[in-house]
Amino acid sequence: VTAGGLLAPLFIAMDLFALRYWKSSTW
């Protein structure tokens, strides 16, 4: 449960950074 709470905000940071590479042309 603690791990889930820790990861939830970090996932958003990963997503924002990943959008640099997986742009709209890849959707």
PDB file of all heavy atoms in Angstrom:
ATOM      1  N   VAL A   1       0.832  -1.198   0.000  1.00  0.00           N
ATOM      2  CA  VAL A   1       0.000   0.000   0.000  1.00  0.00           C
ATOM      3  C   VAL A   1       0.871   1.253   0.000  1.00  0.00           C
ATOM      4  O   VAL A   1       0.622   2.218  -0.727  1.00  0.00           O
ATOM      5  CB  VAL A   1      -0.959   0.004   1.210  1.00  0.00           C
ATOM      6  CG1 VAL A   1      -1.735   1.311   1.286  1.00  0.00           C
ATOM      7  CG2 VAL A   1      -1.931  -1.171   1.114  1.00  0.00           C
ATOM      8  N   THR A   2       1.911   1.254   0.812  1.00  0.00           N
ATOM      9  CA  THR A   2       2.837   2.382   0.831  1.00  0.00           C
ATOM     10  C   THR A   2       3.515   2.541  -0.531  1.00  0.00           C
ATOM     11  O   THR A   2       3.669   3.662  -1.031  1.00  0.00           O
ATOM     12  CB  THR A   2       3.912   2.186   1.915  1.00  0.00           C
ATOM     13  OG1 THR A   2       3.273   2.031   3.179  1.00  0.00           O
ATOM     14  CG2 THR A   2       4.847   3.376   1.979  1.00  0.00           C
ATOM     15  N   ALA A   3       3.904   1.416  -1.135  1.00  0.00           N
ATOM     16  CA  ALA A   3       4.530   1.464  -2.453  1.00  0.00           C
ATOM     17  C   ALA A   3       3.576   2.067  -3.489  1.00  0.00           C
ATOM     18  O   ALA A   3       3.980   2.849  -4.346  1.00  0.00           O
ATOM     19  CB  ALA A   3       4.958   0.067  -2.884  1.00  0.00           C
ATOM     20  N   GLY A   4       2.289   1.711  -3.386  1.00  0.00           N
ATOM     21  CA  GLY A   4       1.307   2.265  -4.307  1.00  0.00           C
ATOM     22  C   GLY A   4       1.183   3.767  -4.171  1.00  0.00           C
ATOM     23  O   GLY A   4       1.111   4.500  -5.164  1.00  0.00           O
ATOM     24  N   GLY A   5       1.183   4.254  -2.929  1.00  0.00           N
ATOM     25  CA  GLY A   5       1.115   5.691  -2.711  1.00  0.00           C
ATOM     26  C   GLY A   5       2.355   6.415  -3.187  1.00  0.00           C
ATOM     27  O   GLY A   5       2.279   7.540  -3.696  1.00  0.00           O
ATOM     28  N   LEU A   6       3.511   5.777  -3.036  1.00  0.00           N
ATOM     29  CA  LEU A   6       4.763   6.390  -3.500  1.00  0.00           C
ATOM     30  C   LEU A   6       4.811   6.470  -5.022  1.00  0.00           C
ATOM     31  O   LEU A   6       5.247   7.466  -5.601  1.00  0.00           O
ATOM     32  CB  LEU A   6       5.948   5.584  -2.972  1.00  0.00           C
ATOM     33  CG  LEU A   6       7.344   6.072  -3.382  1.00  0.00           C
ATOM     34  CD1 LEU A   6       8.316   5.952  -2.225  1.00  0.00           C
ATOM     35  CD2 LEU A   6       7.888   5.275  -4.575  1.00  0.00           C
ATOM     36  N   LEU A   7       4.328   5.411  -5.684  1.00  0.00           N
ATOM     37  CA  LEU A   7       4.445   5.346  -7.137  1.00  0.00           C
ATOM     38  C   LEU A   7       3.431   6.230  -7.855  1.00  0.00           C
ATOM     39  O   LEU A   7       3.710   6.699  -8.969  1.00  0.00           O
ATOM     40  CB  LEU A   7       4.272   3.894  -7.608  1.00  0.00           C
ATOM     41  CG  LEU A   7       5.441   2.950  -7.323  1.00  0.00           C
ATOM     42  CD1 LEU A   7       5.052   1.525  -7.678  1.00  0.00           C
ATOM     43  CD2 LEU A   7       6.688   3.374  -8.087  1.00  0.00           C
ATOM     44  N   ALA A   8       2.264   6.457  -7.261  1.00  0.00           N
ATOM     45  CA  ALA A   8       1.199   7.180  -7.966  1.00  0.00           C
ATOM     46  C   ALA A   8       1.670   8.526  -8.523  1.00  0.00           C
ATOM     47  O   ALA A   8       1.480   8.810  -9.717  1.00  0.00           O
ATOM     48  CB  ALA A   8      -0.015   7.348  -7.053  1.00  0.00           C
ATOM     49  N   PRO A   9       2.299   9.412  -7.731  1.00  0.00           N
ATOM     50  CA  PRO A   9       2.791  10.672  -8.307  1.00  0.00           C
ATOM     51  C   PRO A   9       3.990  10.471  -9.243  1.00  0.00           C
ATOM     52  O   PRO A   9       4.156  11.207 -10.215  1.00  0.00           O
ATOM     53  CB  PRO A   9       3.196  11.501  -7.074  1.00  0.00           C
ATOM     54  CG  PRO A   9       2.500  10.852  -5.917  1.00  0.00           C
ATOM     55  CD  PRO A   9       2.455   9.399  -6.268  1.00  0.00           C
ATOM     56  N   LEU A  10       4.836   9.466  -8.943  1.00  0.00           N
ATOM     57  CA  LEU A  10       6.015   9.237  -9.774  1.00  0.00           C
ATOM     58  C   LEU A  10       5.613   8.776 -11.177  1.00  0.00           C
ATOM     59  O   LEU A  10       6.303   9.077 -12.153  1.00  0.00           O
ATOM     60  CB  LEU A  10       6.933   8.205  -9.126  1.00  0.00           C
ATOM     61  CG  LEU A  10       7.658   8.670  -7.859  1.00  0.00           C
ATOM     62  CD1 LEU A  10       8.468   7.528  -7.254  1.00  0.00           C
ATOM     63  CD2 LEU A  10       8.572   9.857  -8.158  1.00  0.00           C
ATOM     64  N   PHE A  11       4.515   8.043 -11.274  1.00  0.00           N
ATOM     65  CA  PHE A  11       4.037   7.636 -12.597  1.00  0.00           C
ATOM     66  C   PHE A  11       3.752   8.856 -13.469  1.00  0.00           C
ATOM     67  O   PHE A  11       4.025   8.853 -14.675  1.00  0.00           O
ATOM     68  CB  PHE A  11       2.764   6.794 -12.471  1.00  0.00           C
ATOM     69  CG  PHE A  11       3.004   5.379 -12.044  1.00  0.00           C
ATOM     70  CD1 PHE A  11       2.096   4.727 -11.225  1.00  0.00           C
ATOM     71  CD2 PHE A  11       4.120   4.688 -12.463  1.00  0.00           C
ATOM     72  CE1 PHE A  11       2.296   3.415 -10.839  1.00  0.00           C
ATOM     73  CE2 PHE A  11       4.351   3.373 -12.071  1.00  0.00           C
ATOM     74  CZ  PHE A  11       3.423   2.734 -11.256  1.00  0.00           C
ATOM     75  N   ILE A  12       3.186   9.897 -12.880  1.00  0.00           N
ATOM     76  CA  ILE A  12       2.880  11.107 -13.653  1.00  0.00           C
ATOM     77  C   ILE A  12       4.167  11.746 -14.165  1.00  0.00           C
ATOM     78  O   ILE A  12       4.246  12.192 -15.312  1.00  0.00           O
ATOM     79  CB  ILE A  12       2.074  12.101 -12.798  1.00  0.00           C
ATOM     80  CG1 ILE A  12       0.715  11.494 -12.448  1.00  0.00           C
ATOM     81  CG2 ILE A  12       1.895  13.427 -13.532  1.00  0.00           C
ATOM     82  CD1 ILE A  12      -0.137  12.373 -11.561  1.00  0.00           C
ATOM     83  N   ALA A  13       5.192  11.785 -13.318  1.00  0.00           N
ATOM     84  CA  ALA A  13       6.478  12.329 -13.753  1.00  0.00           C
ATOM     85  C   ALA A  13       7.068  11.506 -14.895  1.00  0.00           C
ATOM     86  O   ALA A  13       7.602  12.052 -15.868  1.00  0.00           O
ATOM     87  CB  ALA A  13       7.450  12.369 -12.565  1.00  0.00           C
ATOM     88  N   MET A  14       6.956  10.169 -14.796  1.00  0.00           N
ATOM     89  CA  MET A  14       7.430   9.308 -15.880  1.00  0.00           C
ATOM     90  C   MET A  14       6.664   9.593 -17.168  1.00  0.00           C
ATOM     91  O   MET A  14       7.248   9.658 -18.256  1.00  0.00           O
ATOM     92  CB  MET A  14       7.249   7.836 -15.500  1.00  0.00           C
ATOM     93  CG  MET A  14       8.093   7.359 -14.339  1.00  0.00           C
ATOM     94  SD  MET A  14       7.705   5.625 -13.945  1.00  0.00           S
ATOM     95  CE  MET A  14       8.374   5.515 -12.287  1.00  0.00           C
ATOM     96  N   ASP A  15       5.343   9.758 -17.041  1.00  0.00           N
ATOM     97  CA  ASP A  15       4.507  10.021 -18.218  1.00  0.00           C
ATOM     98  C   ASP A  15       4.915  11.311 -18.910  1.00  0.00           C
ATOM     99  O   ASP A  15       5.043  11.366 -20.137  1.00  0.00           O
ATOM    100  CB  ASP A  15       3.037  10.116 -17.801  1.00  0.00           C
ATOM    101  CG  ASP A  15       2.498   8.799 -17.272  1.00  0.00           C
ATOM    102  OD1 ASP A  15       3.038   7.749 -17.645  1.00  0.00           O
ATOM    103  OD2 ASP A  15       1.541   8.826 -16.475  1.00  0.00           O
ATOM    104  N   LEU A  16       5.105  12.358 -18.127  1.00  0.00           N
ATOM    105  CA  LEU A  16       5.457  13.653 -18.706  1.00  0.00           C
ATOM    106  C   LEU A  16       6.799  13.582 -19.430  1.00  0.00           C
ATOM    107  O   LEU A  16       6.975  14.158 -20.512  1.00  0.00           O
ATOM    108  CB  LEU A  16       5.496  14.727 -17.609  1.00  0.00           C
ATOM    109  CG  LEU A  16       4.141  15.059 -16.970  1.00  0.00           C
ATOM    110  CD1 LEU A  16       4.335  16.039 -15.811  1.00  0.00           C
ATOM    111  CD2 LEU A  16       3.190  15.641 -18.011  1.00  0.00           C
ATOM    112  N   PHE A  17       7.741  12.865 -18.845  1.00  0.00           N
ATOM    113  CA  PHE A  17       9.044  12.739 -19.490  1.00  0.00           C
ATOM    114  C   PHE A  17       8.954  11.858 -20.731  1.00  0.00           C
ATOM    115  O   PHE A  17       9.581  12.138 -21.761  1.00  0.00           O
ATOM    116  CB  PHE A  17      10.066  12.174 -18.504  1.00  0.00           C
ATOM    117  CG  PHE A  17      11.489  12.414 -18.924  1.00  0.00           C
ATOM    118  CD1 PHE A  17      12.106  13.629 -18.655  1.00  0.00           C
ATOM    119  CD2 PHE A  17      12.208  11.454 -19.605  1.00  0.00           C
ATOM    120  CE1 PHE A  17      13.416  13.866 -19.061  1.00  0.00           C
ATOM    121  CE2 PHE A  17      13.521  11.679 -20.012  1.00  0.00           C
ATOM    122  CZ  PHE A  17      14.122  12.899 -19.737  1.00  0.00           C
ATOM    123  N   ALA A  18       8.138  10.789 -20.653  1.00  0.00           N
ATOM    124  CA  ALA A  18       8.019   9.872 -21.791  1.00  0.00           C
ATOM    125  C   ALA A  18       7.358  10.541 -22.994  1.00  0.00           C
ATOM    126  O   ALA A  18       7.604  10.132 -24.142  1.00  0.00           O
ATOM    127  CB  ALA A  18       7.223   8.637 -21.384  1.00  0.00           C
ATOM    128  N   LEU A  19       6.543  11.564 -22.755  1.00  0.00           N
ATOM    129  CA  LEU A  19       5.893  12.258 -23.875  1.00  0.00           C
ATOM    130  C   LEU A  19       6.903  12.956 -24.777  1.00  0.00           C
ATOM    131  O   LEU A  19       6.575  13.318 -25.911  1.00  0.00           O
ATOM    132  CB  LEU A  19       4.871  13.271 -23.344  1.00  0.00           C
ATOM    133  CG  LEU A  19       3.584  12.679 -22.764  1.00  0.00           C
ATOM    134  CD1 LEU A  19       2.708  13.778 -22.182  1.00  0.00           C
ATOM    135  CD2 LEU A  19       2.819  11.896 -23.832  1.00  0.00           C
ATOM    136  N   ARG A  20       8.121  13.164 -24.298  1.00  0.00           N
ATOM    137  CA  ARG A  20       9.172  13.720 -25.154  1.00  0.00           C
ATOM    138  C   ARG A  20       9.505  12.755 -26.286  1.00  0.00           C
ATOM    139  O   ARG A  20       9.942  13.166 -27.362  1.00  0.00           O
ATOM    140  CB  ARG A  20      10.437  13.986 -24.333  1.00  0.00           C
ATOM    141  CG  ARG A  20      10.288  15.039 -23.256  1.00  0.00           C
ATOM    142  CD  ARG A  20      11.602  15.248 -22.538  1.00  0.00           C
ATOM    143  NE  ARG A  20      12.676  15.623 -23.449  1.00  0.00           N
ATOM    144  CZ  ARG A  20      13.964  15.724 -23.103  1.00  0.00           C
ATOM    145  NH1 ARG A  20      14.333  15.450 -21.855  1.00  0.00           N
ATOM    146  NH2 ARG A  20      14.872  16.084 -23.983  1.00  0.00           N
ATOM    147  N   TYR A  21       9.313  11.466 -26.039  1.00  0.00           N
ATOM    148  CA  TYR A  21       9.698  10.444 -27.008  1.00  0.00           C
ATOM    149  C   TYR A  21       8.483   9.832 -27.710  1.00  0.00           C
ATOM    150  O   TYR A  21       8.512   9.594 -28.915  1.00  0.00           O
ATOM    151  CB  TYR A  21      10.495   9.345 -26.309  1.00  0.00           C
ATOM    152  CG  TYR A  21      11.687   9.880 -25.547  1.00  0.00           C
ATOM    153  CD1 TYR A  21      11.691   9.953 -24.155  1.00  0.00           C
ATOM    154  CD2 TYR A  21      12.813  10.357 -26.224  1.00  0.00           C
ATOM    155  CE1 TYR A  21      12.772  10.472 -23.457  1.00  0.00           C
ATOM    156  CE2 TYR A  21      13.903  10.874 -25.542  1.00  0.00           C
ATOM    157  CZ  TYR A  21      13.876  10.930 -24.152  1.00  0.00           C
ATOM    158  OH  TYR A  21      14.940  11.448 -23.467  1.00  0.00           O
ATOM    159  N   TRP A  22       7.425   9.532 -26.948  1.00  0.00           N
ATOM    160  CA  TRP A  22       6.227   8.939 -27.540  1.00  0.00           C
ATOM    161  C   TRP A  22       5.220  10.042 -27.815  1.00  0.00           C
ATOM    162  O   TRP A  22       4.250  10.218 -27.100  1.00  0.00           O
ATOM    163  CB  TRP A  22       5.662   7.857 -26.615  1.00  0.00           C
ATOM    164  CG  TRP A  22       6.655   6.774 -26.309  1.00  0.00           C
ATOM    165  CD1 TRP A  22       7.114   6.395 -25.087  1.00  0.00           C
ATOM    166  CD2 TRP A  22       7.339   5.954 -27.258  1.00  0.00           C
ATOM    167  NE1 TRP A  22       8.029   5.391 -25.204  1.00  0.00           N
ATOM    168  CE2 TRP A  22       8.201   5.094 -26.527  1.00  0.00           C
ATOM    169  CE3 TRP A  22       7.318   5.854 -28.648  1.00  0.00           C
ATOM    170  CZ2 TRP A  22       9.013   4.151 -27.147  1.00  0.00           C
ATOM    171  CZ3 TRP A  22       8.140   4.917 -29.267  1.00  0.00           C
ATOM    172  CH2 TRP A  22       8.964   4.084 -28.523  1.00  0.00           C
ATOM    173  N   LYS A  23       5.477  10.778 -28.895  1.00  0.00           N
ATOM    174  CA  LYS A  23       4.661  11.941 -29.262  1.00  0.00           C
ATOM    175  C   LYS A  23       3.341  11.499 -29.899  1.00  0.00           C
ATOM    176  O   LYS A  23       3.110  10.316 -30.129  1.00  0.00           O
ATOM    177  CB  LYS A  23       5.445  12.847 -30.214  1.00  0.00           C
ATOM    178  CG  LYS A  23       6.708  13.443 -29.594  1.00  0.00           C
ATOM    179  CD  LYS A  23       7.440  14.312 -30.590  1.00  0.00           C
ATOM    180  CE  LYS A  23       8.575  15.095 -29.955  1.00  0.00           C
ATOM    181  NZ  LYS A  23       9.615  14.236 -29.382  1.00  0.00           N
ATOM    182  N   SER A  24       2.506  12.479 -30.224  1.00  0.00           N
ATOM    183  CA  SER A  24       1.167  12.189 -30.750  1.00  0.00           C
ATOM    184  C   SER A  24       1.200  11.389 -32.049  1.00  0.00           C
ATOM    185  O   SER A  24       0.250  10.683 -32.375  1.00  0.00           O
ATOM    186  CB  SER A  24       0.387  13.489 -30.952  1.00  0.00           C
ATOM    187  OG  SER A  24       1.057  14.339 -31.870  1.00  0.00           O
ATOM    188  N   SER A  25       2.284  11.497 -32.787  1.00  0.00           N
ATOM    189  CA  SER A  25       2.392  10.740 -34.046  1.00  0.00           C
ATOM    190  C   SER A  25       2.486   9.239 -33.811  1.00  0.00           C
ATOM    191  O   SER A  25       2.335   8.451 -34.750  1.00  0.00           O
ATOM    192  CB  SER A  25       3.612  11.214 -34.846  1.00  0.00           C
ATOM    193  OG  SER A  25       4.807  11.043 -34.096  1.00  0.00           O
ATOM    194  N   THR A  26       2.764   8.817 -32.563  1.00  0.00           N
ATOM    195  CA  THR A  26       2.879   7.394 -32.255  1.00  0.00           C
ATOM    196  C   THR A  26       1.622   6.848 -31.576  1.00  0.00           C
ATOM    197  O   THR A  26       1.624   5.711 -31.114  1.00  0.00           O
ATOM    198  CB  THR A  26       4.094   7.131 -31.344  1.00  0.00           C
ATOM    199  OG1 THR A  26       3.880   7.769 -30.067  1.00  0.00           O
ATOM    200  CG2 THR A  26       5.373   7.657 -31.963  1.00  0.00           C
ATOM    201  N   TRP A  27       0.563   7.638 -31.506  1.00  0.00           N
ATOM    202  CA  TRP A  27      -0.665   7.172 -30.850  1.00  0.00           C
ATOM    203  C   TRP A  27      -1.634   6.607 -31.879  1.00  0.00           C
ATOM    204  O   TRP A  27      -1.826   7.196 -32.946  1.00  0.00           O
ATOM    205  CB  TRP A  27      -1.364   8.311 -30.110  1.00  0.00           C
ATOM    206  CG  TRP A  27      -0.506   9.063 -29.136  1.00  0.00           C
ATOM    207  CD1 TRP A  27       0.677   8.666 -28.605  1.00  0.00           C
ATOM    208  CD2 TRP A  27      -0.771  10.367 -28.594  1.00  0.00           C
ATOM    209  NE1 TRP A  27       1.187   9.629 -27.763  1.00  0.00           N
ATOM    210  CE2 TRP A  27       0.313  10.682 -27.734  1.00  0.00           C
ATOM    211  CE3 TRP A  27      -1.808  11.281 -28.743  1.00  0.00           C
ATOM    212  CZ2 TRP A  27       0.372  11.888 -27.038  1.00  0.00           C
ATOM    213  CZ3 TRP A  27      -1.752  12.474 -28.049  1.00  0.00           C
ATOM    214  CH2 TRP A  27      -0.678  12.772 -27.201  1.00  0.00           C
TER     215      TRP A  27
END
